[in-house]
Every structure is written in C-alpha cells, then in structure tokens.
Amino acid sequence: MLCVTAIVLRFTRNLKKKETRPKNLGLIANKLIEAKKLWITCIQSSVFENEIQQLVNGSTNPMVKQLGLFINR
C-alpha cells in the first residue's frame, strides 16, 4: 500500500512539473516515508474526528486532555 501511494504521489508531482522526468523509476526511502506519514495523518484524522473538531473550536474533553492531543500545523 505504501509503494502504491508513493508511486501515485510521485506521478501527481511529475504532472505538475514542467521539467523532464528522471529516468530512475525506483522508489527512494524518502518517498516511502512520506507515503507512510500521509496514511498515518489520514487514519488519525478519521479516528479522532470529534476530538480534532473540539480542538479547533477551543473546547476540550477529558480524553483530549488525557491524551495530550494537539493540532500539528
């Protein structure tokens, strides 16, 4: 799943660039790490949707305080 995500991310970036594409088609570790972070962010935002909304609104509940949740921007 990470490899597919990394390939899709690279493909979309290449579409936006006007430069020539590199001949190396292999995935490097940086792209896999970036894909992993993207998946973690997506999962966290779906699992903690209510808590994130409370943080945005400025209110908190005991779970938010206990977990020490914050929005990383």
N, C-alpha and C. Protein backbone atom coordinates (compact mmCIF):
# COMPACT_ATOMS: atom_id res chain seq x y z
N MET A 1 0.82 -1.18 0.00
CA MET A 1 0.00 0.00 0.00
C MET A 1 0.87 1.26 0.00
N LEU A 2 1.95 1.21 0.78
CA LEU A 2 2.85 2.37 0.82
C LEU A 2 3.51 2.60 -0.53
N CYS A 3 3.91 1.53 -1.20
CA CYS A 3 4.55 1.67 -2.51
C CYS A 3 3.59 2.29 -3.53
N VAL A 4 2.36 1.84 -3.52
CA VAL A 4 1.35 2.38 -4.44
C VAL A 4 1.12 3.86 -4.15
N THR A 5 1.00 4.21 -2.88
CA THR A 5 0.80 5.61 -2.51
C THR A 5 1.99 6.45 -2.94
N ALA A 6 3.20 5.96 -2.73
CA ALA A 6 4.40 6.70 -3.13
C ALA A 6 4.44 6.89 -4.64
N ILE A 7 4.06 5.87 -5.39
CA ILE A 7 4.04 5.98 -6.85
C ILE A 7 3.02 7.01 -7.30
N VAL A 8 1.85 7.00 -6.69
CA VAL A 8 0.80 7.96 -7.05
C VAL A 8 1.24 9.38 -6.70
N LEU A 9 1.86 9.56 -5.53
CA LEU A 9 2.35 10.88 -5.14
C LEU A 9 3.40 11.39 -6.14
N ARG A 10 4.32 10.51 -6.52
CA ARG A 10 5.35 10.89 -7.49
C ARG A 10 4.72 11.23 -8.84
N PHE A 11 3.75 10.44 -9.26
CA PHE A 11 3.08 10.68 -10.54
C PHE A 11 2.38 12.04 -10.55
N THR A 12 1.65 12.36 -9.47
CA THR A 12 0.94 13.64 -9.45
C THR A 12 1.91 14.82 -9.41
N ARG A 13 3.03 14.66 -8.72
CA ARG A 13 4.04 15.73 -8.71
C ARG A 13 4.68 15.90 -10.08
N ASN A 14 4.92 14.79 -10.77
CA ASN A 14 5.50 14.88 -12.10
C ASN A 14 4.56 15.55 -13.09
N LEU A 15 3.27 15.37 -12.90
CA LEU A 15 2.30 16.04 -13.77
C LEU A 15 2.34 17.55 -13.59
N LYS A 16 2.59 17.99 -12.35
CA LYS A 16 2.62 19.42 -12.05
C LYS A 16 3.90 20.09 -12.52
N LYS A 17 4.98 19.32 -12.62
CA LYS A 17 6.27 19.86 -13.02
C LYS A 17 6.36 20.00 -14.53
N LYS A 18 7.09 21.00 -14.97
CA LYS A 18 7.33 21.18 -16.40
C LYS A 18 8.71 20.63 -16.79
N GLU A 19 9.42 20.08 -15.81
CA GLU A 19 10.76 19.56 -16.05
C GLU A 19 10.70 18.17 -16.67
N THR A 20 11.86 17.72 -17.16
CA THR A 20 11.91 16.35 -17.66
C THR A 20 11.90 15.39 -16.48
N ARG A 21 11.36 14.24 -16.71
CA ARG A 21 11.24 13.25 -15.64
C ARG A 21 12.55 12.48 -15.49
N PRO A 22 12.89 12.13 -14.27
CA PRO A 22 14.11 11.33 -14.08
C PRO A 22 13.94 9.94 -14.65
N LYS A 23 15.04 9.35 -15.10
CA LYS A 23 14.99 8.02 -15.68
C LYS A 23 14.91 6.93 -14.62
N ASN A 24 15.27 7.26 -13.39
CA ASN A 24 15.23 6.29 -12.31
C ASN A 24 13.80 6.12 -11.83
N LEU A 25 13.26 4.95 -12.01
CA LEU A 25 11.87 4.70 -11.63
C LEU A 25 11.73 4.08 -10.24
N GLY A 26 12.84 3.80 -9.60
CA GLY A 26 12.80 3.18 -8.27
C GLY A 26 12.32 4.17 -7.22
N LEU A 27 11.72 3.62 -6.19
CA LEU A 27 11.26 4.45 -5.09
C LEU A 27 12.39 4.60 -4.07
N ILE A 28 12.57 5.81 -3.60
CA ILE A 28 13.58 6.01 -2.57
C ILE A 28 12.89 6.08 -1.21
N ALA A 29 13.67 5.89 -0.18
CA ALA A 29 13.13 5.80 1.18
C ALA A 29 12.33 7.04 1.55
N ASN A 30 12.75 8.21 1.11
CA ASN A 30 12.03 9.45 1.44
C ASN A 30 10.59 9.42 0.97
N LYS A 31 10.38 8.88 -0.22
CA LYS A 31 9.01 8.83 -0.77
C LYS A 31 8.16 7.83 0.01
N LEU A 32 8.75 6.73 0.44
CA LEU A 32 8.00 5.76 1.24
C LEU A 32 7.66 6.32 2.61
N ILE A 33 8.58 7.06 3.21
CA ILE A 33 8.31 7.70 4.50
C ILE A 33 7.21 8.74 4.35
N GLU A 34 7.26 9.49 3.28
CA GLU A 34 6.22 10.50 3.02
C GLU A 34 4.85 9.84 2.86
N ALA A 35 4.81 8.71 2.15
CA ALA A 35 3.55 7.98 1.97
C ALA A 35 3.03 7.45 3.30
N LYS A 36 3.94 6.96 4.14
CA LYS A 36 3.55 6.44 5.46
C LYS A 36 2.97 7.56 6.32
N LYS A 37 3.61 8.73 6.31
CA LYS A 37 3.09 9.87 7.07
C LYS A 37 1.72 10.30 6.57
N LEU A 38 1.51 10.25 5.27
CA LEU A 38 0.21 10.60 4.70
C LEU A 38 -0.87 9.65 5.20
N TRP A 39 -0.58 8.34 5.21
CA TRP A 39 -1.54 7.36 5.70
C TRP A 39 -1.83 7.54 7.19
N ILE A 40 -0.79 7.80 7.98
CA ILE A 40 -0.97 7.99 9.42
C ILE A 40 -1.85 9.21 9.67
N THR A 41 -1.60 10.30 8.95
CA THR A 41 -2.40 11.51 9.10
C THR A 41 -3.86 11.25 8.75
N CYS A 42 -4.09 10.52 7.67
CA CYS A 42 -5.48 10.20 7.27
C CYS A 42 -6.19 9.36 8.31
N ILE A 43 -5.49 8.37 8.83
CA ILE A 43 -6.10 7.48 9.83
C ILE A 43 -6.38 8.25 11.12
N GLN A 44 -5.41 9.05 11.56
CA GLN A 44 -5.61 9.81 12.79
C GLN A 44 -6.76 10.78 12.66
N SER A 45 -6.88 11.42 11.51
CA SER A 45 -7.95 12.41 11.36
C SER A 45 -9.32 11.75 11.33
N SER A 46 -9.41 10.52 10.83
CA SER A 46 -10.71 9.84 10.81
C SER A 46 -11.05 9.26 12.18
N VAL A 47 -10.06 8.76 12.91
CA VAL A 47 -10.31 8.15 14.22
C VAL A 47 -10.64 9.22 15.25
N PHE A 48 -9.92 10.31 15.23
CA PHE A 48 -10.08 11.36 16.24
C PHE A 48 -10.84 12.57 15.69
N GLU A 49 -11.78 12.33 14.80
CA GLU A 49 -12.50 13.43 14.15
C GLU A 49 -13.20 14.34 15.16
N ASN A 50 -13.91 13.76 16.12
CA ASN A 50 -14.63 14.57 17.11
C ASN A 50 -13.66 15.36 17.98
N GLU A 51 -12.57 14.72 18.39
CA GLU A 51 -11.60 15.40 19.24
C GLU A 51 -10.91 16.54 18.49
N ILE A 52 -10.62 16.32 17.22
CA ILE A 52 -9.99 17.37 16.42
C ILE A 52 -10.94 18.56 16.28
N GLN A 53 -12.22 18.28 16.05
CA GLN A 53 -13.20 19.36 15.93
C GLN A 53 -13.29 20.15 17.23
N GLN A 54 -13.20 19.48 18.36
CA GLN A 54 -13.23 20.17 19.65
C GLN A 54 -12.00 21.04 19.82
N LEU A 55 -10.84 20.55 19.39
CA LEU A 55 -9.62 21.36 19.48
C LEU A 55 -9.72 22.61 18.60
N VAL A 56 -10.30 22.46 17.43
CA VAL A 56 -10.46 23.60 16.52
C VAL A 56 -11.40 24.63 17.14
N ASN A 57 -12.45 24.16 17.80
CA ASN A 57 -13.43 25.06 18.42
C ASN A 57 -12.94 25.65 19.73
N GLY A 58 -11.86 25.10 20.27
CA GLY A 58 -11.31 25.63 21.51
C GLY A 58 -11.81 24.93 22.76
N SER A 59 -12.72 24.00 22.62
CA SER A 59 -13.20 23.26 23.80
C SER A 59 -12.46 21.93 23.88
N THR A 60 -12.41 21.38 25.07
CA THR A 60 -11.75 20.09 25.25
C THR A 60 -12.60 19.19 26.12
N ASN A 61 -12.31 17.92 26.07
CA ASN A 61 -12.95 16.95 26.94
C ASN A 61 -11.85 16.18 27.67
N PRO A 62 -12.20 15.34 28.63
CA PRO A 62 -11.17 14.61 29.39
C PRO A 62 -10.24 13.76 28.51
N MET A 63 -10.78 13.19 27.44
CA MET A 63 -9.95 12.35 26.57
C MET A 63 -8.88 13.19 25.87
N VAL A 64 -9.25 14.37 25.42
CA VAL A 64 -8.29 15.26 24.75
C VAL A 64 -7.18 15.64 25.73
N LYS A 65 -7.55 15.96 26.95
CA LYS A 65 -6.55 16.35 27.95
C LYS A 65 -5.68 15.16 28.34
N GLN A 66 -6.28 14.00 28.52
CA GLN A 66 -5.54 12.82 28.94
C GLN A 66 -4.53 12.39 27.88
N LEU A 67 -4.93 12.44 26.62
CA LEU A 67 -4.04 12.03 25.53
C LEU A 67 -3.06 13.13 25.13
N GLY A 68 -3.32 14.36 25.58
CA GLY A 68 -2.44 15.47 25.22
C GLY A 68 -2.49 15.79 23.73
N LEU A 69 -3.70 15.71 23.16
CA LEU A 69 -3.85 15.94 21.73
C LEU A 69 -3.62 17.39 21.37
N PHE A 70 -3.03 17.61 20.22
CA PHE A 70 -2.86 18.96 19.68
C PHE A 70 -2.86 18.87 18.18
N ILE A 71 -3.09 20.00 17.54
CA ILE A 71 -3.11 20.04 16.08
C ILE A 71 -1.74 20.48 15.61
N ASN A 72 -1.09 19.65 14.81
CA ASN A 72 0.23 19.95 14.28
C ASN A 72 0.06 20.57 12.90
N ARG A 73 0.31 21.86 12.81
CA ARG A 73 0.14 22.55 11.52
C ARG A 73 1.43 23.00 10.97
